[in-house]
Structures are given as structure tokens and as C-alpha cells.
Amino acid sequence: MGVISEFKAFAVKGNVVDMAVGIIIGAAFGKIVSSFVGDVVMPPIGLLIGGVDFSDLAVTLKAANGDIPAVVLAYGKFIQSLIDFIIVAFAIFMGVKAINRLKREEAVAPTLPPVPTKEEELLEEIRDLLKAQNNRPSTGQ
């Protein structure tokens, strides 16, 4: 088996395709959460603590000098990323929790024994009749 055919077999496997779809959806979900945190959550929090915009919070380590830009420790962006992570982690936790609950409910649901078909019922009747004939005492004729 050549390298190309092995790669094709690997790339077309269900797990790899599912993982790729998950990564793409996760990236899109990450953008949505970042927008939610940056545009919806952080402005009211900043307003509550005195009109502070978290993305602007920074400590200047070295001021700009001519063509050399300033060296800045932007801890506000880190705080915003941390909140992004917490929201994403919580959303994933809630999703996994819901899936686990569905699996538990599925496992608890009782399964009824299969109903025998007409052929099976007839075969059981024939079996029982043959047993009854074999167990009947002989008349000695």
C-alpha cells in the first residue's frame, strides 16, 4: 500500500472528518464568544468599575522613542482572553453535560423483549407437540 493510498484511507476515516468539522465549528464558536465577551460582556463590566475598557489596560515598560514603538504589557487583553476562555469552557461543559444526560436517559429506558414472529410461534408449537408425543407413555401395541 503506497503512502498516498494510506493517507487517503486515513484522511477519509470518520474520526478524522469529524475532528476536522469540530475544529472548524470550534474556531467559529471561538469568534462568536470573543465578540460576545468584547462587545457585550466587557462594556457593562467596564462601566461598573468606572468606565475602564479592559482591552486598553496596560503597563508601559518602555516609552516610545522616535521610530521605536513603546514596549507595553497589555494585561487587559489577557483578562479579556481569560474571560473568553471561561465562557467557552462553560459552554462546552454545559453541552457535554446535556449529552451525558441524554445518554443516561437512553440507557435507563427499558427495552421490551422482541415479539416472536408467526414462524417462531408455529415452530414453538410444533416443538411442544413433539415433546408431548415423546413423553406420552407407549400403549404397547
N, C-alpha and C. Protein backbone atom coordinates (compact mmCIF):
# COMPACT_ATOMS: atom_id res chain seq x y z
N MET A 1 0.86 -1.17 0.00
CA MET A 1 0.00 0.00 0.00
C MET A 1 0.90 1.23 0.00
N GLY A 2 0.70 2.11 -0.97
CA GLY A 2 1.53 3.29 -1.10
C GLY A 2 1.19 4.35 -0.07
N VAL A 3 2.07 5.28 0.08
CA VAL A 3 1.89 6.36 1.05
C VAL A 3 0.63 7.16 0.72
N ILE A 4 0.40 7.43 -0.55
CA ILE A 4 -0.76 8.23 -0.94
C ILE A 4 -2.06 7.49 -0.62
N SER A 5 -2.11 6.20 -0.90
CA SER A 5 -3.33 5.45 -0.59
C SER A 5 -3.53 5.30 0.92
N GLU A 6 -2.44 5.16 1.68
CA GLU A 6 -2.56 5.12 3.14
C GLU A 6 -3.09 6.45 3.67
N PHE A 7 -2.54 7.56 3.13
CA PHE A 7 -3.01 8.88 3.57
C PHE A 7 -4.48 9.05 3.22
N LYS A 8 -4.89 8.62 2.03
CA LYS A 8 -6.28 8.73 1.63
C LYS A 8 -7.18 7.94 2.58
N ALA A 9 -6.77 6.72 2.93
CA ALA A 9 -7.56 5.90 3.87
C ALA A 9 -7.64 6.57 5.23
N PHE A 10 -6.54 7.19 5.66
CA PHE A 10 -6.52 7.87 6.96
C PHE A 10 -7.41 9.12 6.93
N ALA A 11 -7.29 9.91 5.88
CA ALA A 11 -8.00 11.20 5.81
C ALA A 11 -9.50 11.02 5.64
N VAL A 12 -9.93 9.91 5.09
CA VAL A 12 -11.35 9.71 4.85
C VAL A 12 -12.04 8.99 6.01
N LYS A 13 -11.26 8.54 6.99
CA LYS A 13 -11.86 7.88 8.14
C LYS A 13 -12.85 8.82 8.81
N GLY A 14 -13.88 8.27 9.40
CA GLY A 14 -14.92 9.07 10.05
C GLY A 14 -14.38 9.93 11.17
N ASN A 15 -13.47 9.40 11.98
CA ASN A 15 -12.96 10.16 13.11
C ASN A 15 -12.21 11.41 12.67
N VAL A 16 -11.42 11.30 11.62
CA VAL A 16 -10.65 12.44 11.14
C VAL A 16 -11.57 13.50 10.58
N VAL A 17 -12.56 13.10 9.82
CA VAL A 17 -13.51 14.05 9.25
C VAL A 17 -14.31 14.72 10.37
N ASP A 18 -14.76 13.94 11.33
CA ASP A 18 -15.49 14.50 12.47
C ASP A 18 -14.64 15.50 13.23
N MET A 19 -13.37 15.17 13.43
CA MET A 19 -12.47 16.06 14.15
C MET A 19 -12.29 17.36 13.37
N ALA A 20 -12.13 17.28 12.06
CA ALA A 20 -11.96 18.48 11.24
C ALA A 20 -13.19 19.37 11.33
N VAL A 21 -14.36 18.77 11.26
CA VAL A 21 -15.60 19.55 11.38
C VAL A 21 -15.67 20.20 12.75
N GLY A 22 -15.29 19.46 13.79
CA GLY A 22 -15.29 20.01 15.14
C GLY A 22 -14.34 21.19 15.29
N ILE A 23 -13.17 21.09 14.68
CA ILE A 23 -12.20 22.18 14.77
C ILE A 23 -12.73 23.42 14.06
N ILE A 24 -13.32 23.24 12.90
CA ILE A 24 -13.86 24.38 12.15
C ILE A 24 -15.01 25.04 12.93
N ILE A 25 -15.91 24.23 13.46
CA ILE A 25 -17.02 24.78 14.23
C ILE A 25 -16.49 25.43 15.51
N GLY A 26 -15.48 24.82 16.13
CA GLY A 26 -14.89 25.41 17.34
C GLY A 26 -14.26 26.75 17.07
N ALA A 27 -13.58 26.91 15.93
CA ALA A 27 -12.98 28.19 15.59
C ALA A 27 -14.05 29.26 15.40
N ALA A 28 -15.13 28.88 14.71
CA ALA A 28 -16.23 29.83 14.52
C ALA A 28 -16.89 30.17 15.85
N PHE A 29 -17.06 29.17 16.71
CA PHE A 29 -17.64 29.40 18.03
C PHE A 29 -16.74 30.31 18.85
N GLY A 30 -15.43 30.14 18.72
CA GLY A 30 -14.48 31.00 19.43
C GLY A 30 -14.61 32.45 19.02
N LYS A 31 -14.82 32.70 17.73
CA LYS A 31 -15.01 34.07 17.26
C LYS A 31 -16.30 34.66 17.82
N ILE A 32 -17.34 33.84 17.86
CA ILE A 32 -18.62 34.32 18.41
C ILE A 32 -18.45 34.68 19.88
N VAL A 33 -17.78 33.82 20.64
CA VAL A 33 -17.58 34.07 22.06
C VAL A 33 -16.71 35.30 22.27
N SER A 34 -15.65 35.45 21.46
CA SER A 34 -14.80 36.63 21.59
C SER A 34 -15.60 37.91 21.34
N SER A 35 -16.45 37.89 20.34
CA SER A 35 -17.29 39.06 20.08
C SER A 35 -18.26 39.29 21.22
N PHE A 36 -18.85 38.20 21.74
CA PHE A 36 -19.78 38.32 22.87
C PHE A 36 -19.09 38.94 24.07
N VAL A 37 -17.90 38.46 24.39
CA VAL A 37 -17.19 38.99 25.55
C VAL A 37 -16.75 40.43 25.30
N GLY A 38 -16.14 40.69 24.14
CA GLY A 38 -15.61 42.03 23.87
C GLY A 38 -16.67 43.08 23.66
N ASP A 39 -17.80 42.70 23.04
CA ASP A 39 -18.80 43.68 22.65
C ASP A 39 -20.02 43.72 23.56
N VAL A 40 -20.28 42.65 24.31
CA VAL A 40 -21.48 42.59 25.14
C VAL A 40 -21.16 42.53 26.64
N VAL A 41 -20.22 41.66 27.03
CA VAL A 41 -19.95 41.46 28.45
C VAL A 41 -19.03 42.54 29.03
N MET A 42 -17.93 42.83 28.34
CA MET A 42 -16.92 43.72 28.90
C MET A 42 -17.36 45.19 29.02
N PRO A 43 -18.11 45.76 28.06
CA PRO A 43 -18.51 47.16 28.23
C PRO A 43 -19.30 47.42 29.52
N PRO A 44 -20.32 46.60 29.87
CA PRO A 44 -21.01 46.87 31.14
C PRO A 44 -20.10 46.68 32.36
N ILE A 45 -19.21 45.67 32.30
CA ILE A 45 -18.28 45.47 33.42
C ILE A 45 -17.35 46.68 33.54
N GLY A 46 -16.85 47.15 32.41
CA GLY A 46 -16.01 48.34 32.43
C GLY A 46 -16.75 49.55 32.97
N LEU A 47 -18.02 49.69 32.61
CA LEU A 47 -18.84 50.80 33.10
C LEU A 47 -19.03 50.70 34.61
N LEU A 48 -19.25 49.49 35.10
CA LEU A 48 -19.44 49.29 36.54
C LEU A 48 -18.19 49.63 37.35
N ILE A 49 -17.03 49.42 36.78
CA ILE A 49 -15.80 49.70 37.53
C ILE A 49 -15.19 51.04 37.15
N GLY A 50 -16.02 51.92 36.60
CA GLY A 50 -15.55 53.28 36.38
C GLY A 50 -15.21 53.61 34.95
N GLY A 51 -15.83 52.97 33.99
CA GLY A 51 -15.61 53.31 32.59
C GLY A 51 -14.31 52.79 32.01
N VAL A 52 -13.75 51.73 32.61
CA VAL A 52 -12.49 51.18 32.14
C VAL A 52 -12.74 50.23 30.98
N ASP A 53 -11.97 50.38 29.90
CA ASP A 53 -12.02 49.43 28.78
C ASP A 53 -10.88 48.44 29.01
N PHE A 54 -11.22 47.19 29.24
CA PHE A 54 -10.21 46.19 29.59
C PHE A 54 -9.13 46.04 28.52
N SER A 55 -9.53 46.17 27.25
CA SER A 55 -8.53 45.98 26.20
C SER A 55 -7.49 47.09 26.20
N ASP A 56 -7.79 48.22 26.85
CA ASP A 56 -6.83 49.33 26.92
C ASP A 56 -5.94 49.24 28.16
N LEU A 57 -6.22 48.34 29.08
CA LEU A 57 -5.40 48.25 30.29
C LEU A 57 -4.02 47.71 29.94
N ALA A 58 -3.01 48.46 30.32
CA ALA A 58 -1.65 48.06 30.00
C ALA A 58 -0.67 48.82 30.88
N VAL A 59 0.52 48.27 31.00
CA VAL A 59 1.61 48.93 31.70
C VAL A 59 2.70 49.17 30.67
N THR A 60 3.15 50.42 30.57
CA THR A 60 4.21 50.75 29.62
C THR A 60 5.55 50.44 30.28
N LEU A 61 6.27 49.50 29.69
CA LEU A 61 7.58 49.13 30.22
C LEU A 61 8.67 50.07 29.71
N LYS A 62 8.51 50.51 28.47
CA LYS A 62 9.48 51.45 27.89
C LYS A 62 8.73 52.35 26.94
N ALA A 63 8.84 53.65 27.12
CA ALA A 63 8.12 54.62 26.29
C ALA A 63 8.67 54.59 24.86
N ALA A 64 7.82 55.04 23.95
CA ALA A 64 8.23 55.12 22.55
C ALA A 64 9.36 56.13 22.42
N ASN A 65 10.29 55.81 21.52
CA ASN A 65 11.45 56.68 21.33
C ASN A 65 11.70 56.81 19.84
N GLY A 66 11.21 57.90 19.26
CA GLY A 66 11.41 58.12 17.83
C GLY A 66 10.67 57.07 17.01
N ASP A 67 11.42 56.29 16.23
CA ASP A 67 10.82 55.24 15.38
C ASP A 67 10.56 53.95 16.15
N ILE A 68 11.08 53.84 17.34
CA ILE A 68 10.93 52.62 18.15
C ILE A 68 9.60 52.71 18.91
N PRO A 69 8.71 51.72 18.69
CA PRO A 69 7.44 51.77 19.41
C PRO A 69 7.62 51.46 20.90
N ALA A 70 6.60 51.80 21.68
CA ALA A 70 6.65 51.56 23.12
C ALA A 70 6.55 50.07 23.40
N VAL A 71 7.18 49.65 24.47
CA VAL A 71 7.08 48.27 24.95
C VAL A 71 5.99 48.27 26.01
N VAL A 72 4.91 47.52 25.74
CA VAL A 72 3.73 47.58 26.59
C VAL A 72 3.34 46.17 27.04
N LEU A 73 3.01 46.05 28.32
CA LEU A 73 2.49 44.81 28.89
C LEU A 73 0.96 44.96 28.91
N ALA A 74 0.27 44.39 27.92
CA ALA A 74 -1.17 44.58 27.74
C ALA A 74 -1.94 43.53 28.52
N TYR A 75 -2.04 43.69 29.84
CA TYR A 75 -2.73 42.71 30.67
C TYR A 75 -4.24 42.77 30.49
N GLY A 76 -4.79 43.85 29.99
CA GLY A 76 -6.23 43.96 29.74
C GLY A 76 -6.69 42.97 28.68
N LYS A 77 -5.89 42.82 27.63
CA LYS A 77 -6.22 41.84 26.59
C LYS A 77 -6.17 40.42 27.15
N PHE A 78 -5.23 40.20 28.09
CA PHE A 78 -5.14 38.89 28.73
C PHE A 78 -6.39 38.62 29.56
N ILE A 79 -6.86 39.63 30.30
CA ILE A 79 -8.07 39.47 31.11
C ILE A 79 -9.25 39.14 30.20
N GLN A 80 -9.34 39.83 29.07
CA GLN A 80 -10.43 39.58 28.13
C GLN A 80 -10.33 38.16 27.57
N SER A 81 -9.13 37.71 27.23
CA SER A 81 -8.95 36.34 26.73
C SER A 81 -9.30 35.32 27.80
N LEU A 82 -8.97 35.62 29.04
CA LEU A 82 -9.31 34.73 30.16
C LEU A 82 -10.82 34.59 30.30
N ILE A 83 -11.53 35.70 30.19
CA ILE A 83 -13.00 35.64 30.27
C ILE A 83 -13.55 34.88 29.07
N ASP A 84 -12.97 35.09 27.88
CA ASP A 84 -13.36 34.30 26.70
C ASP A 84 -13.24 32.81 26.99
N PHE A 85 -12.10 32.42 27.55
CA PHE A 85 -11.85 31.00 27.85
C PHE A 85 -12.88 30.46 28.83
N ILE A 86 -13.16 31.21 29.87
CA ILE A 86 -14.11 30.75 30.89
C ILE A 86 -15.49 30.54 30.27
N ILE A 87 -15.91 31.46 29.40
CA ILE A 87 -17.22 31.32 28.77
C ILE A 87 -17.24 30.12 27.82
N VAL A 88 -16.19 29.95 27.03
CA VAL A 88 -16.13 28.80 26.12
C VAL A 88 -16.12 27.50 26.92
N ALA A 89 -15.30 27.44 27.97
CA ALA A 89 -15.23 26.22 28.78
C ALA A 89 -16.58 25.91 29.41
N PHE A 90 -17.28 26.94 29.89
CA PHE A 90 -18.59 26.73 30.50
C PHE A 90 -19.59 26.23 29.46
N ALA A 91 -19.56 26.82 28.25
CA ALA A 91 -20.48 26.40 27.19
C ALA A 91 -20.22 24.94 26.81
N ILE A 92 -18.96 24.56 26.69
CA ILE A 92 -18.62 23.18 26.36
C ILE A 92 -19.05 22.24 27.48
N PHE A 93 -18.83 22.66 28.73
CA PHE A 93 -19.25 21.86 29.88
C PHE A 93 -20.75 21.62 29.84
N MET A 94 -21.53 22.67 29.56
CA MET A 94 -22.98 22.51 29.52
C MET A 94 -23.40 21.59 28.37
N GLY A 95 -22.72 21.69 27.23
CA GLY A 95 -23.02 20.80 26.11
C GLY A 95 -22.73 19.35 26.43
N VAL A 96 -21.57 19.08 27.03
CA VAL A 96 -21.20 17.71 27.40
C VAL A 96 -22.16 17.18 28.47
N LYS A 97 -22.53 18.05 29.41
CA LYS A 97 -23.47 17.64 30.46
C LYS A 97 -24.82 17.23 29.85
N ALA A 98 -25.30 18.00 28.87
CA ALA A 98 -26.57 17.67 28.22
C ALA A 98 -26.46 16.35 27.45
N ILE A 99 -25.35 16.14 26.76
CA ILE A 99 -25.16 14.89 26.02
C ILE A 99 -25.11 13.71 26.97
N ASN A 100 -24.40 13.86 28.10
CA ASN A 100 -24.32 12.77 29.08
C ASN A 100 -25.69 12.47 29.67
N ARG A 101 -26.51 13.50 29.91
CA ARG A 101 -27.85 13.28 30.45
C ARG A 101 -28.69 12.50 29.44
N LEU A 102 -28.58 12.84 28.16
CA LEU A 102 -29.32 12.10 27.13
C LEU A 102 -28.87 10.65 27.06
N LYS A 103 -27.57 10.41 27.20
CA LYS A 103 -27.07 9.03 27.17
C LYS A 103 -27.59 8.24 28.37
N ARG A 104 -27.63 8.89 29.56
CA ARG A 104 -28.14 8.19 30.74
C ARG A 104 -29.61 7.86 30.57
N GLU A 105 -30.41 8.80 30.04
CA GLU A 105 -31.83 8.55 29.84
C GLU A 105 -32.03 7.42 28.82
N GLU A 106 -31.18 7.39 27.81
CA GLU A 106 -31.26 6.35 26.80
C GLU A 106 -30.93 4.99 27.40
N ALA A 107 -29.94 4.95 28.30
CA ALA A 107 -29.54 3.69 28.93
C ALA A 107 -30.60 3.21 29.90
N VAL A 108 -31.30 4.12 30.57
CA VAL A 108 -32.30 3.76 31.56
C VAL A 108 -33.59 3.26 30.90
N ALA A 109 -33.87 3.72 29.71
CA ALA A 109 -35.11 3.34 29.03
C ALA A 109 -35.17 1.82 28.89
N PRO A 110 -36.24 1.21 29.40
CA PRO A 110 -36.33 -0.25 29.31
C PRO A 110 -36.58 -0.70 27.87
N THR A 111 -35.96 -1.80 27.55
CA THR A 111 -36.16 -2.36 26.23
C THR A 111 -37.07 -3.57 26.36
N LEU A 112 -38.10 -3.62 25.55
CA LEU A 112 -39.03 -4.74 25.58
C LEU A 112 -38.43 -5.91 24.82
N PRO A 113 -38.70 -7.12 25.30
CA PRO A 113 -38.18 -8.27 24.55
C PRO A 113 -38.86 -8.31 23.18
N PRO A 114 -38.14 -8.79 22.19
CA PRO A 114 -38.72 -8.82 20.84
C PRO A 114 -39.92 -9.76 20.78
N VAL A 115 -40.93 -9.35 20.07
CA VAL A 115 -42.14 -10.16 19.90
C VAL A 115 -41.83 -11.25 18.88
N PRO A 116 -42.13 -12.52 19.22
CA PRO A 116 -41.82 -13.60 18.27
C PRO A 116 -42.67 -13.48 17.00
N THR A 117 -42.08 -13.85 15.89
CA THR A 117 -42.80 -13.83 14.62
C THR A 117 -43.75 -15.02 14.56
N LYS A 118 -44.62 -15.01 13.55
CA LYS A 118 -45.57 -16.11 13.38
C LYS A 118 -44.86 -17.44 13.18
N GLU A 119 -43.73 -17.39 12.41
CA GLU A 119 -42.99 -18.63 12.17
C GLU A 119 -42.42 -19.18 13.48
N GLU A 120 -41.90 -18.26 14.31
CA GLU A 120 -41.34 -18.70 15.59
C GLU A 120 -42.42 -19.30 16.48
N GLU A 121 -43.61 -18.69 16.48
CA GLU A 121 -44.71 -19.23 17.29
C GLU A 121 -45.10 -20.62 16.81
N LEU A 122 -45.19 -20.80 15.49
CA LEU A 122 -45.53 -22.11 14.94
C LEU A 122 -44.47 -23.16 15.26
N LEU A 123 -43.19 -22.76 15.15
CA LEU A 123 -42.11 -23.69 15.48
C LEU A 123 -42.15 -24.08 16.96
N GLU A 124 -42.49 -23.14 17.82
CA GLU A 124 -42.59 -23.46 19.25
C GLU A 124 -43.75 -24.43 19.50
N GLU A 125 -44.86 -24.22 18.81
CA GLU A 125 -45.99 -25.14 18.97
C GLU A 125 -45.62 -26.54 18.50
N ILE A 126 -44.94 -26.63 17.35
CA ILE A 126 -44.51 -27.93 16.83
C ILE A 126 -43.55 -28.60 17.82
N ARG A 127 -42.60 -27.83 18.36
CA ARG A 127 -41.66 -28.36 19.34
C ARG A 127 -42.40 -28.90 20.56
N ASP A 128 -43.37 -28.13 21.06
CA ASP A 128 -44.11 -28.56 22.25
C ASP A 128 -44.93 -29.82 21.98
N LEU A 129 -45.53 -29.89 20.78
CA LEU A 129 -46.29 -31.10 20.41
C LEU A 129 -45.38 -32.32 20.33
N LEU A 130 -44.18 -32.15 19.73
CA LEU A 130 -43.24 -33.28 19.64
C LEU A 130 -42.77 -33.72 21.02
N LYS A 131 -42.54 -32.77 21.91
CA LYS A 131 -42.15 -33.12 23.28
C LYS A 131 -43.27 -33.90 23.96
N ALA A 132 -44.49 -33.44 23.76
CA ALA A 132 -45.64 -34.10 24.38
C ALA A 132 -45.79 -35.52 23.84
N GLN A 133 -45.55 -35.72 22.54
CA GLN A 133 -45.65 -37.06 21.94
C GLN A 133 -44.55 -37.96 22.49
N ASN A 134 -43.35 -37.46 22.63
CA ASN A 134 -42.24 -38.27 23.12
C ASN A 134 -42.38 -38.61 24.59
N ASN A 135 -43.05 -37.77 25.35
CA ASN A 135 -43.21 -38.01 26.77
C ASN A 135 -44.45 -38.85 27.10
N ARG A 136 -45.32 -39.09 26.13
CA ARG A 136 -46.53 -39.87 26.34
C ARG A 136 -46.15 -41.34 26.50
N PRO A 137 -46.68 -42.04 27.49
CA PRO A 137 -46.34 -43.45 27.65
C PRO A 137 -46.86 -44.28 26.47
N SER A 138 -46.05 -45.23 26.07
CA SER A 138 -46.45 -46.07 24.93
C SER A 138 -47.54 -47.05 25.36
N THR A 139 -48.44 -47.40 24.43
CA THR A 139 -49.57 -48.29 24.73
C THR A 139 -49.21 -49.75 24.54
N GLY A 140 -48.03 -50.00 24.04
CA GLY A 140 -47.57 -51.37 23.92
C GLY A 140 -48.12 -52.07 22.70
N GLN A 141 -48.53 -51.43 21.72
CA GLN A 141 -49.10 -52.07 20.56
C GLN A 141 -48.07 -52.42 19.55
